[in-house]
N, C-alpha and C. Protein backbone atom coordinates (compact mmCIF):
# COMPACT_ATOMS: atom_id res chain seq x y z
N PRO A 1 -29.25 -6.52 -35.61
CA PRO A 1 -28.12 -6.91 -36.31
C PRO A 1 -27.01 -5.81 -36.57
N GLU A 2 -25.82 -6.19 -36.51
CA GLU A 2 -24.75 -5.05 -36.66
C GLU A 2 -24.60 -4.79 -38.12
N PRO A 3 -24.36 -3.37 -38.32
CA PRO A 3 -24.17 -3.04 -39.82
C PRO A 3 -22.94 -3.59 -40.36
N SER A 4 -22.97 -3.82 -41.56
CA SER A 4 -21.79 -4.18 -42.35
C SER A 4 -20.76 -3.10 -42.54
N MET A 5 -19.57 -3.49 -42.88
CA MET A 5 -18.48 -2.44 -43.01
C MET A 5 -18.84 -1.34 -43.97
N GLY A 6 -19.53 -1.80 -44.99
CA GLY A 6 -19.91 -0.82 -46.03
C GLY A 6 -20.96 0.05 -45.45
N GLN A 7 -21.80 -0.30 -44.63
CA GLN A 7 -22.81 0.56 -44.05
C GLN A 7 -22.19 1.56 -43.04
N LEU A 8 -21.17 1.15 -42.33
CA LEU A 8 -20.43 1.96 -41.44
C LEU A 8 -19.67 3.09 -42.20
N GLU A 9 -19.16 2.86 -43.28
CA GLU A 9 -18.48 3.82 -44.03
C GLU A 9 -19.53 4.89 -44.56
N GLU A 10 -20.72 4.54 -44.80
CA GLU A 10 -21.74 5.48 -45.21
C GLU A 10 -22.31 6.24 -44.10
N VAL A 11 -22.14 5.79 -42.90
CA VAL A 11 -22.70 6.49 -41.72
C VAL A 11 -21.53 7.45 -41.08
N LEU A 12 -20.38 6.92 -41.10
CA LEU A 12 -19.26 7.87 -40.39
C LEU A 12 -18.87 8.86 -41.50
N PRO A 13 -18.55 10.14 -40.99
CA PRO A 13 -18.13 11.12 -41.84
C PRO A 13 -16.68 10.90 -42.28
N ALA A 14 -16.32 11.37 -43.45
CA ALA A 14 -14.93 11.23 -43.85
C ALA A 14 -14.10 12.03 -43.00
N GLU A 15 -12.78 11.46 -42.66
CA GLU A 15 -11.91 12.33 -41.97
C GLU A 15 -11.43 13.57 -42.87
N ALA A 16 -11.26 14.67 -42.18
CA ALA A 16 -10.66 15.76 -42.78
C ALA A 16 -9.30 15.54 -43.24
N PRO A 17 -8.86 16.06 -44.37
CA PRO A 17 -7.43 15.84 -44.88
C PRO A 17 -6.59 16.56 -43.87
N THR A 18 -5.51 16.07 -43.65
CA THR A 18 -4.46 16.57 -42.81
C THR A 18 -3.84 17.86 -43.45
N ALA A 19 -3.73 18.85 -42.75
CA ALA A 19 -3.23 20.22 -43.24
C ALA A 19 -1.70 19.98 -43.44
N THR A 20 -1.26 20.69 -44.38
CA THR A 20 0.17 20.82 -44.63
C THR A 20 0.83 21.91 -43.82
N THR A 21 1.88 21.90 -43.09
CA THR A 21 2.52 22.95 -42.44
C THR A 21 3.91 23.14 -42.91
N ILE A 22 4.32 24.46 -43.11
CA ILE A 22 5.55 24.88 -43.75
C ILE A 22 6.10 25.83 -42.73
N SER A 23 7.42 25.60 -42.37
CA SER A 23 8.09 26.72 -41.55
C SER A 23 8.69 27.76 -42.56
N ALA A 24 8.54 28.99 -42.06
CA ALA A 24 9.12 30.01 -42.88
C ALA A 24 10.03 30.95 -41.88
N ASP A 25 10.92 31.63 -42.43
CA ASP A 25 11.83 32.55 -41.68
C ASP A 25 11.41 33.97 -42.15
N TYR A 26 10.72 34.62 -41.32
CA TYR A 26 10.29 36.04 -41.63
C TYR A 26 11.00 37.03 -40.58
N SER A 27 12.18 36.55 -39.96
CA SER A 27 12.84 37.30 -38.93
C SER A 27 13.26 38.74 -39.39
N VAL A 28 13.61 38.89 -40.69
CA VAL A 28 13.91 40.11 -41.28
C VAL A 28 12.84 41.15 -41.18
N HIS A 29 11.49 40.68 -41.27
CA HIS A 29 10.41 41.44 -41.24
C HIS A 29 9.97 41.90 -39.71
N PHE A 30 10.54 41.25 -38.65
CA PHE A 30 10.37 41.44 -37.35
C PHE A 30 11.35 42.33 -36.70
N ASP A 31 12.40 42.62 -37.45
CA ASP A 31 13.45 43.54 -37.04
C ASP A 31 13.99 43.33 -35.58
N GLY A 32 14.14 42.15 -35.16
CA GLY A 32 14.73 41.91 -33.96
C GLY A 32 13.57 41.69 -32.84
N LEU A 33 12.22 41.94 -33.13
CA LEU A 33 11.19 41.78 -32.16
C LEU A 33 10.84 40.32 -32.13
N SER A 34 10.38 39.97 -30.95
CA SER A 34 9.96 38.54 -30.71
C SER A 34 8.47 38.60 -31.10
N GLY A 35 8.15 37.52 -31.98
CA GLY A 35 6.79 37.38 -32.47
C GLY A 35 6.58 36.22 -33.42
N CYS A 36 5.43 36.12 -34.02
CA CYS A 36 5.07 35.08 -34.88
C CYS A 36 4.22 35.43 -35.95
N ALA A 37 4.09 34.56 -36.88
CA ALA A 37 3.24 34.75 -38.04
C ALA A 37 2.62 33.46 -38.41
N VAL A 38 1.32 33.49 -38.77
CA VAL A 38 0.72 32.33 -39.42
C VAL A 38 -0.08 32.70 -40.59
N PHE A 39 0.11 32.11 -41.67
CA PHE A 39 -0.66 32.31 -42.85
C PHE A 39 -1.44 31.01 -43.24
N TYR A 40 -2.67 31.06 -43.69
CA TYR A 40 -3.48 29.90 -44.00
C TYR A 40 -4.14 29.97 -45.46
N ARG A 41 -3.86 29.04 -46.20
CA ARG A 41 -4.51 29.02 -47.52
C ARG A 41 -5.49 27.85 -47.35
N PRO A 42 -6.86 28.11 -47.26
CA PRO A 42 -7.93 27.12 -47.08
C PRO A 42 -7.98 26.31 -48.27
N ASN A 43 -7.86 26.80 -49.63
CA ASN A 43 -8.13 25.99 -50.71
C ASN A 43 -6.99 25.09 -50.94
N GLU A 44 -5.78 25.21 -50.17
CA GLU A 44 -4.73 24.21 -50.16
C GLU A 44 -4.59 23.43 -48.88
N ASN A 45 -5.37 24.02 -47.94
CA ASN A 45 -5.28 23.46 -46.43
C ASN A 45 -3.74 23.47 -46.01
N THR A 46 -3.20 24.60 -46.29
CA THR A 46 -1.73 24.86 -45.98
C THR A 46 -1.52 26.02 -45.00
N TYR A 47 -0.77 25.63 -43.94
CA TYR A 47 -0.36 26.74 -43.02
C TYR A 47 1.14 26.97 -43.18
N ARG A 48 1.47 28.31 -43.10
CA ARG A 48 2.85 28.68 -43.12
C ARG A 48 3.02 29.38 -41.85
N PHE A 49 4.20 28.91 -41.01
CA PHE A 49 4.38 29.44 -39.77
C PHE A 49 5.75 30.19 -39.71
N TYR A 50 5.85 31.25 -38.91
CA TYR A 50 7.11 31.73 -38.53
C TYR A 50 6.81 31.54 -36.93
N ASN A 51 7.82 30.94 -36.29
CA ASN A 51 7.78 30.63 -34.71
C ASN A 51 6.49 30.03 -34.47
N GLU A 52 6.43 28.81 -35.03
CA GLU A 52 5.05 28.21 -34.85
C GLU A 52 4.67 27.86 -33.36
N THR A 53 5.62 27.68 -32.55
CA THR A 53 5.12 27.45 -31.10
C THR A 53 4.39 28.77 -30.48
N GLU A 54 4.98 29.86 -30.79
CA GLU A 54 4.37 31.18 -30.38
C GLU A 54 2.96 31.32 -30.91
N CYS A 55 2.75 30.81 -32.25
CA CYS A 55 1.40 30.99 -32.81
C CYS A 55 0.30 30.20 -32.10
N SER A 56 0.58 29.42 -31.14
CA SER A 56 -0.23 28.66 -30.34
C SER A 56 -0.48 29.23 -28.94
N LEU A 57 0.20 30.32 -28.59
CA LEU A 57 0.11 31.00 -27.34
C LEU A 57 -1.05 31.94 -27.47
N ARG A 58 -1.92 31.91 -26.50
CA ARG A 58 -3.13 32.75 -26.27
C ARG A 58 -2.70 34.13 -25.74
N VAL A 59 -3.14 35.20 -26.40
CA VAL A 59 -3.01 36.50 -25.82
C VAL A 59 -4.37 37.30 -26.20
N SER A 60 -4.34 38.42 -25.68
CA SER A 60 -5.43 39.29 -25.75
C SER A 60 -5.70 39.70 -27.28
N PRO A 61 -6.92 39.63 -27.87
CA PRO A 61 -7.12 39.89 -29.19
C PRO A 61 -7.05 41.51 -29.45
N CYS A 62 -7.25 42.37 -28.48
CA CYS A 62 -7.24 43.73 -28.69
C CYS A 62 -7.93 44.26 -29.95
N SER A 63 -7.39 44.99 -30.76
CA SER A 63 -8.22 45.58 -32.01
C SER A 63 -8.57 44.42 -32.98
N THR A 64 -8.00 43.35 -32.96
CA THR A 64 -8.46 42.29 -33.95
C THR A 64 -9.85 41.89 -33.57
N PHE A 65 -10.34 42.12 -32.39
CA PHE A 65 -11.64 41.78 -31.82
C PHE A 65 -12.81 42.61 -32.56
N LYS A 66 -12.32 43.68 -33.37
CA LYS A 66 -13.36 44.38 -34.06
C LYS A 66 -14.15 43.48 -35.01
N ILE A 67 -13.37 42.60 -35.58
CA ILE A 67 -13.96 41.74 -36.64
C ILE A 67 -15.18 40.91 -35.97
N PRO A 68 -15.06 40.11 -34.98
CA PRO A 68 -16.12 39.44 -34.48
C PRO A 68 -17.20 40.49 -33.88
N ALA A 69 -16.65 41.33 -33.27
CA ALA A 69 -17.68 42.30 -32.48
C ALA A 69 -18.58 42.90 -33.54
N SER A 70 -18.01 43.47 -34.62
CA SER A 70 -18.72 44.09 -35.70
C SER A 70 -19.80 43.10 -36.26
N LEU A 71 -19.36 41.97 -36.65
CA LEU A 71 -20.28 40.87 -37.11
C LEU A 71 -21.34 40.51 -36.15
N ILE A 72 -21.04 40.41 -34.94
CA ILE A 72 -22.09 40.12 -33.79
C ILE A 72 -23.02 41.21 -33.69
N ALA A 73 -22.56 42.45 -33.70
CA ALA A 73 -23.46 43.58 -33.53
C ALA A 73 -24.40 43.72 -34.82
N LEU A 74 -23.90 43.32 -35.98
CA LEU A 74 -24.62 43.37 -37.25
C LEU A 74 -25.70 42.31 -37.13
N GLU A 75 -25.33 41.19 -36.76
CA GLU A 75 -26.29 40.02 -36.75
C GLU A 75 -27.40 40.20 -35.52
N THR A 76 -26.98 40.83 -34.46
CA THR A 76 -28.06 40.89 -33.34
C THR A 76 -28.79 42.25 -33.46
N ASN A 77 -28.55 43.04 -34.74
CA ASN A 77 -29.18 44.28 -34.97
C ASN A 77 -28.97 45.31 -33.97
N VAL A 78 -27.77 45.29 -33.29
CA VAL A 78 -27.36 46.33 -32.50
C VAL A 78 -26.79 47.53 -33.52
N LEU A 79 -26.35 47.04 -34.51
CA LEU A 79 -25.90 48.01 -35.62
C LEU A 79 -26.62 47.63 -36.95
N ARG A 80 -26.77 48.45 -37.79
CA ARG A 80 -27.30 48.18 -39.24
C ARG A 80 -26.32 48.80 -40.12
N ALA A 81 -26.03 48.03 -41.30
CA ALA A 81 -25.09 48.59 -42.12
C ALA A 81 -25.39 50.01 -42.59
N ASP A 82 -26.64 50.30 -42.84
CA ASP A 82 -26.96 51.60 -43.34
C ASP A 82 -27.11 52.53 -42.35
N ASP A 83 -27.00 52.24 -40.97
CA ASP A 83 -27.29 53.13 -39.85
C ASP A 83 -26.47 52.72 -38.64
N SER A 84 -25.21 53.13 -38.61
CA SER A 84 -24.28 52.67 -37.61
C SER A 84 -23.71 53.79 -36.80
N THR A 85 -24.17 54.90 -36.94
CA THR A 85 -23.60 56.18 -36.39
C THR A 85 -23.97 56.12 -34.87
N ILE A 86 -22.88 56.36 -34.08
CA ILE A 86 -22.91 56.77 -32.69
C ILE A 86 -22.36 58.04 -32.39
N ALA A 87 -23.13 58.86 -31.61
CA ALA A 87 -22.74 60.21 -31.44
C ALA A 87 -21.49 60.33 -30.40
N TRP A 88 -20.59 61.10 -30.71
CA TRP A 88 -19.49 61.36 -29.87
C TRP A 88 -19.92 62.09 -28.64
N ASP A 89 -19.45 61.83 -27.40
CA ASP A 89 -20.04 62.46 -26.15
C ASP A 89 -19.26 63.63 -25.81
N GLY A 90 -18.29 64.04 -26.47
CA GLY A 90 -17.44 65.18 -26.27
C GLY A 90 -16.26 65.01 -25.46
N THR A 91 -15.95 63.68 -25.02
CA THR A 91 -14.74 63.36 -24.34
C THR A 91 -13.59 63.60 -25.33
N THR A 92 -12.51 64.24 -24.87
CA THR A 92 -11.31 64.64 -25.85
C THR A 92 -10.43 63.31 -25.66
N TRP A 93 -10.22 62.60 -26.70
CA TRP A 93 -9.36 61.52 -26.72
C TRP A 93 -7.99 61.92 -27.43
N ALA A 94 -7.02 61.13 -26.91
CA ALA A 94 -5.59 61.43 -27.52
C ALA A 94 -5.67 61.11 -29.05
N ILE A 95 -6.39 60.21 -29.55
CA ILE A 95 -6.48 60.01 -30.89
C ILE A 95 -7.46 60.69 -31.55
N SER A 96 -7.06 61.77 -32.27
CA SER A 96 -8.01 62.89 -32.84
C SER A 96 -9.11 62.41 -33.59
N GLN A 97 -8.99 61.23 -34.43
CA GLN A 97 -10.03 60.74 -35.08
C GLN A 97 -11.21 60.26 -34.33
N TRP A 98 -11.05 60.06 -32.95
CA TRP A 98 -12.06 59.53 -32.17
C TRP A 98 -12.96 60.64 -31.63
N ASN A 99 -12.52 61.94 -31.85
CA ASN A 99 -13.34 63.12 -31.37
C ASN A 99 -14.21 63.47 -32.39
N ALA A 100 -15.15 62.69 -32.65
CA ALA A 100 -16.16 62.99 -33.66
C ALA A 100 -17.26 61.78 -33.67
N ASP A 101 -18.44 62.05 -34.19
CA ASP A 101 -19.33 61.00 -34.21
C ASP A 101 -18.71 59.88 -35.07
N GLN A 102 -19.01 58.76 -34.77
CA GLN A 102 -18.52 57.55 -35.51
C GLN A 102 -19.53 56.60 -36.24
N THR A 103 -19.19 56.08 -37.30
CA THR A 103 -19.91 55.05 -37.89
C THR A 103 -19.06 53.77 -37.89
N LEU A 104 -19.61 52.54 -38.17
CA LEU A 104 -18.88 51.40 -38.12
C LEU A 104 -17.61 51.52 -39.09
N HIS A 105 -17.77 52.11 -40.26
CA HIS A 105 -16.66 52.35 -41.10
C HIS A 105 -15.57 53.17 -40.45
N SER A 106 -15.96 54.32 -39.95
CA SER A 106 -14.89 55.19 -39.47
C SER A 106 -14.29 54.62 -38.14
N ALA A 107 -15.10 53.98 -37.29
CA ALA A 107 -14.61 53.46 -36.08
C ALA A 107 -13.61 52.20 -36.36
N PHE A 108 -13.91 51.40 -37.37
CA PHE A 108 -13.18 50.29 -37.68
C PHE A 108 -11.72 50.98 -38.21
N GLN A 109 -11.82 52.02 -39.04
CA GLN A 109 -10.52 52.45 -39.56
C GLN A 109 -9.71 53.04 -38.61
N SER A 110 -10.23 53.73 -37.51
CA SER A 110 -9.41 54.50 -36.66
C SER A 110 -9.27 53.62 -35.27
N SER A 111 -9.76 52.46 -35.29
CA SER A 111 -9.75 51.55 -34.09
C SER A 111 -10.35 52.22 -32.90
N CYS A 112 -11.54 52.87 -33.10
CA CYS A 112 -12.06 53.75 -32.04
C CYS A 112 -12.74 52.94 -30.94
N VAL A 113 -11.98 52.77 -29.90
CA VAL A 113 -12.32 51.82 -28.80
C VAL A 113 -13.65 52.30 -28.13
N TRP A 114 -13.84 53.57 -27.96
CA TRP A 114 -15.15 53.99 -27.27
C TRP A 114 -16.32 53.58 -28.13
N TYR A 115 -16.13 53.64 -29.40
CA TYR A 115 -17.29 53.16 -30.27
C TYR A 115 -17.68 51.69 -30.02
N PHE A 116 -16.52 50.74 -30.06
CA PHE A 116 -16.80 49.34 -29.87
C PHE A 116 -17.20 49.17 -28.41
N ARG A 117 -16.75 49.91 -27.42
CA ARG A 117 -17.21 49.65 -26.16
C ARG A 117 -18.70 49.76 -26.00
N LYS A 118 -19.25 50.92 -26.67
CA LYS A 118 -20.71 51.15 -26.67
C LYS A 118 -21.33 50.05 -27.41
N VAL A 119 -20.94 49.58 -28.57
CA VAL A 119 -21.56 48.62 -29.32
C VAL A 119 -21.55 47.32 -28.67
N ILE A 120 -20.41 46.85 -28.00
CA ILE A 120 -20.29 45.57 -27.17
C ILE A 120 -21.37 45.65 -25.94
N ASP A 121 -21.48 46.74 -25.26
CA ASP A 121 -22.30 46.84 -24.11
C ASP A 121 -23.82 46.80 -24.69
N HIS A 122 -24.14 47.14 -25.82
CA HIS A 122 -25.48 47.00 -26.41
C HIS A 122 -25.65 45.54 -26.71
N VAL A 123 -24.63 44.80 -27.22
CA VAL A 123 -24.91 43.38 -27.56
C VAL A 123 -25.29 42.51 -26.10
N ALA A 124 -24.56 42.99 -25.06
CA ALA A 124 -24.89 42.41 -23.72
C ALA A 124 -24.03 41.09 -23.46
N PRO A 125 -23.68 40.77 -22.25
CA PRO A 125 -22.87 39.73 -21.95
C PRO A 125 -23.44 38.39 -22.44
N ASP A 126 -24.60 38.04 -22.18
CA ASP A 126 -25.17 36.73 -22.55
C ASP A 126 -25.15 36.43 -23.98
N THR A 127 -25.53 37.48 -24.76
CA THR A 127 -25.41 37.29 -26.21
C THR A 127 -24.10 37.16 -26.61
N MET A 128 -23.21 37.93 -26.07
CA MET A 128 -21.75 37.97 -26.58
C MET A 128 -21.14 36.59 -26.26
N GLN A 129 -21.44 36.08 -25.09
CA GLN A 129 -20.97 34.63 -24.72
C GLN A 129 -21.48 33.59 -25.67
N GLN A 130 -22.75 33.59 -25.98
CA GLN A 130 -23.33 32.57 -26.84
C GLN A 130 -22.61 32.76 -28.28
N GLN A 131 -22.34 33.92 -28.76
CA GLN A 131 -21.71 34.13 -30.05
C GLN A 131 -20.34 33.76 -30.02
N LEU A 132 -19.48 34.06 -29.07
CA LEU A 132 -18.15 33.66 -28.98
C LEU A 132 -18.00 32.05 -28.85
N ASP A 133 -18.89 31.49 -28.16
CA ASP A 133 -19.02 30.01 -27.96
C ASP A 133 -19.21 29.41 -29.40
N ARG A 134 -20.26 29.91 -30.08
CA ARG A 134 -20.53 29.35 -31.42
C ARG A 134 -19.40 29.58 -32.37
N LEU A 135 -18.65 30.76 -32.20
CA LEU A 135 -17.45 30.88 -33.16
C LEU A 135 -16.22 30.03 -32.63
N GLN A 136 -16.24 29.48 -31.46
CA GLN A 136 -15.10 28.79 -30.91
C GLN A 136 -13.95 29.70 -30.80
N TYR A 137 -14.21 30.90 -30.19
CA TYR A 137 -13.36 31.91 -30.20
C TYR A 137 -12.36 31.95 -29.01
N GLY A 138 -11.06 31.42 -29.19
CA GLY A 138 -10.15 31.32 -28.15
C GLY A 138 -10.72 30.67 -26.83
N ASN A 139 -10.35 31.39 -25.74
CA ASN A 139 -10.81 30.91 -24.43
C ASN A 139 -12.34 31.36 -24.09
N GLY A 140 -12.80 32.17 -24.91
CA GLY A 140 -14.30 32.56 -24.89
C GLY A 140 -14.52 33.30 -23.49
N ASP A 141 -13.54 33.77 -22.78
CA ASP A 141 -13.68 34.33 -21.48
C ASP A 141 -14.06 35.83 -21.36
N ILE A 142 -15.29 36.05 -21.14
CA ILE A 142 -15.62 37.59 -21.10
C ILE A 142 -15.93 37.90 -19.52
N SER A 143 -15.43 37.16 -18.64
CA SER A 143 -15.68 37.44 -17.31
C SER A 143 -15.30 38.90 -16.80
N GLU A 144 -14.25 39.43 -17.37
CA GLU A 144 -13.90 40.68 -17.07
C GLU A 144 -14.53 41.66 -18.03
N TRP A 145 -15.81 41.70 -17.95
CA TRP A 145 -16.57 42.59 -19.08
C TRP A 145 -16.07 43.96 -19.11
N GLU A 146 -15.82 44.62 -17.89
CA GLU A 146 -15.35 45.96 -17.80
C GLU A 146 -13.81 46.18 -18.08
N GLY A 147 -13.15 45.00 -18.28
CA GLY A 147 -11.74 45.06 -18.41
C GLY A 147 -10.92 45.13 -17.02
N ARG A 148 -9.71 45.15 -17.11
CA ARG A 148 -8.82 45.23 -15.92
C ARG A 148 -8.06 46.46 -15.66
N GLY A 149 -8.59 47.51 -16.30
CA GLY A 149 -8.00 48.82 -16.03
C GLY A 149 -6.88 49.21 -16.98
N PHE A 150 -6.64 48.33 -17.96
CA PHE A 150 -5.49 48.50 -19.06
C PHE A 150 -5.71 49.96 -19.61
N ASN A 151 -7.01 50.25 -20.00
CA ASN A 151 -7.23 51.61 -20.51
C ASN A 151 -8.21 52.33 -19.48
N PRO A 152 -8.42 53.70 -19.63
CA PRO A 152 -9.38 54.32 -18.86
C PRO A 152 -10.90 53.83 -19.00
N PRO A 153 -11.63 54.10 -18.07
CA PRO A 153 -13.18 53.78 -18.22
C PRO A 153 -13.66 54.21 -19.57
N GLY A 154 -14.47 53.57 -20.08
CA GLY A 154 -15.14 53.93 -21.34
C GLY A 154 -14.38 53.49 -22.53
N ILE A 155 -13.02 53.00 -22.31
CA ILE A 155 -12.39 52.49 -23.47
C ILE A 155 -11.46 51.27 -22.92
N ASP A 156 -12.13 50.44 -22.05
CA ASP A 156 -11.50 49.26 -21.57
C ASP A 156 -12.56 48.14 -21.74
N GLY A 157 -12.12 46.91 -21.64
CA GLY A 157 -13.01 45.76 -21.76
C GLY A 157 -12.29 44.48 -21.77
N PHE A 158 -13.05 43.44 -21.84
CA PHE A 158 -12.60 42.06 -21.69
C PHE A 158 -11.70 41.73 -22.84
N TRP A 159 -11.78 42.39 -23.92
CA TRP A 159 -10.93 42.03 -25.09
C TRP A 159 -9.48 42.81 -25.24
N LEU A 160 -9.36 43.74 -24.23
CA LEU A 160 -8.12 44.53 -24.18
C LEU A 160 -7.27 44.21 -23.00
N GLU A 161 -6.32 43.30 -23.25
CA GLU A 161 -5.37 42.90 -22.07
C GLU A 161 -6.10 42.46 -20.87
N SER A 162 -7.11 41.69 -21.04
CA SER A 162 -7.98 41.19 -20.02
C SER A 162 -8.40 39.68 -20.02
N SER A 163 -9.63 39.32 -19.86
CA SER A 163 -9.95 37.86 -19.63
C SER A 163 -9.84 37.06 -21.00
N LEU A 164 -10.31 37.73 -22.21
CA LEU A 164 -10.55 37.20 -23.40
C LEU A 164 -9.13 36.98 -24.01
N GLU A 165 -8.83 35.69 -24.36
CA GLU A 165 -7.46 35.43 -25.10
C GLU A 165 -7.73 34.53 -26.28
N ILE A 166 -6.87 34.69 -27.26
CA ILE A 166 -6.97 33.87 -28.38
C ILE A 166 -5.53 33.66 -29.04
N SER A 167 -5.12 32.55 -29.61
CA SER A 167 -3.85 32.48 -30.12
C SER A 167 -3.81 32.96 -31.64
N PRO A 168 -2.75 33.33 -32.23
CA PRO A 168 -2.66 33.73 -33.71
C PRO A 168 -3.26 32.66 -34.53
N LEU A 169 -2.88 31.40 -34.16
CA LEU A 169 -3.48 30.36 -34.95
C LEU A 169 -4.96 30.21 -34.86
N GLU A 170 -5.53 30.30 -33.64
CA GLU A 170 -7.05 30.39 -33.47
C GLU A 170 -7.55 31.41 -34.29
N GLN A 171 -6.99 32.62 -34.31
CA GLN A 171 -7.51 33.80 -34.96
C GLN A 171 -7.64 33.58 -36.42
N VAL A 172 -6.61 32.97 -36.93
CA VAL A 172 -6.67 32.58 -38.44
C VAL A 172 -7.79 31.68 -38.74
N GLU A 173 -7.89 30.57 -37.80
CA GLU A 173 -8.98 29.71 -38.04
C GLU A 173 -10.38 30.30 -37.93
N VAL A 174 -10.53 31.10 -37.01
CA VAL A 174 -11.89 31.82 -36.86
C VAL A 174 -12.20 32.67 -38.00
N ILE A 175 -11.19 33.58 -38.35
CA ILE A 175 -11.28 34.43 -39.67
C ILE A 175 -11.57 33.60 -40.77
N SER A 176 -10.82 32.43 -41.04
CA SER A 176 -11.04 31.59 -42.11
C SER A 176 -12.56 30.99 -42.20
N ARG A 177 -12.91 30.57 -41.03
CA ARG A 177 -14.35 30.14 -41.04
C ARG A 177 -15.37 31.23 -41.37
N ILE A 178 -15.10 32.34 -40.81
CA ILE A 178 -16.02 33.53 -41.16
C ILE A 178 -16.02 33.81 -42.58
N PHE A 179 -14.89 34.05 -43.18
CA PHE A 179 -14.84 34.63 -44.55
C PHE A 179 -14.91 33.49 -45.57
N GLU A 180 -14.94 32.22 -45.21
CA GLU A 180 -15.06 31.05 -46.10
C GLU A 180 -16.54 30.55 -46.10
N GLY A 181 -17.43 31.25 -45.25
CA GLY A 181 -18.73 31.08 -45.13
C GLY A 181 -19.18 29.92 -44.34
N GLN A 182 -18.37 29.61 -43.32
CA GLN A 182 -18.63 28.32 -42.49
C GLN A 182 -19.09 28.81 -41.15
N THR A 183 -19.75 29.86 -41.16
CA THR A 183 -20.42 30.30 -39.78
C THR A 183 -21.86 30.85 -40.12
N ALA A 184 -22.55 31.13 -39.20
CA ALA A 184 -23.99 31.41 -39.42
C ALA A 184 -24.17 33.00 -39.75
N PHE A 185 -23.08 33.61 -39.90
CA PHE A 185 -23.03 35.14 -40.11
C PHE A 185 -23.63 35.24 -41.60
N ASP A 186 -24.56 36.30 -41.74
CA ASP A 186 -25.08 36.64 -43.09
C ASP A 186 -23.95 37.14 -44.01
N THR A 187 -23.94 36.66 -45.23
CA THR A 187 -22.96 37.01 -46.18
C THR A 187 -22.84 38.63 -46.40
N LYS A 188 -24.16 39.31 -46.37
CA LYS A 188 -24.11 40.72 -46.40
C LYS A 188 -23.31 41.27 -45.36
N ASP A 189 -23.55 40.88 -44.13
CA ASP A 189 -22.81 41.39 -42.93
C ASP A 189 -21.21 41.11 -43.00
N ILE A 190 -20.93 39.99 -43.52
CA ILE A 190 -19.42 39.66 -43.75
C ILE A 190 -19.00 40.67 -44.77
N ALA A 191 -19.66 40.91 -45.76
CA ALA A 191 -19.13 41.83 -46.90
C ALA A 191 -19.01 43.24 -46.22
N VAL A 192 -19.91 43.73 -45.43
CA VAL A 192 -19.75 44.99 -44.74
C VAL A 192 -18.54 45.06 -43.97
N VAL A 193 -18.23 44.01 -43.22
CA VAL A 193 -17.05 43.96 -42.34
C VAL A 193 -15.85 43.95 -43.20
């Protein structure tokens, strides 16, 4: 026998409420540069956009990839919050803060690419792919693991002007899911990041 309408309502999940979108003019903050901005208030399910169309265009995540990379490394025990030091190999980098041993904290602050390159290599491609798929992170494409030569070897990778791309809107949604506790990441690791 077919279920009654009342039974169907109990079985089918409720539809998510439609988000409110607001257009904003932040051009004064862009000082003539082309760009976009998206702000999301999860408690109000409200998006505020500047150049909304551009907010849907996928681009390389570059330094913003430190957030998922750090969480993935903590979750997979490549790093531990209380022991995240990686020794500097003596290579002289143009950014003076990189020319020292790094911890997750110091590397995050100085956007130390060599540190994250080493961390990501220890995570390994299969695990990284699984984690990015689970996060629904942009195009999830890590096919150019070593990068396209955007940076010198040792500081290049799929997240730096290479195969991995994500839109600003997708970035906001991934970050929201992480910090709103809607992912499998441990709350202690989220607090560290």
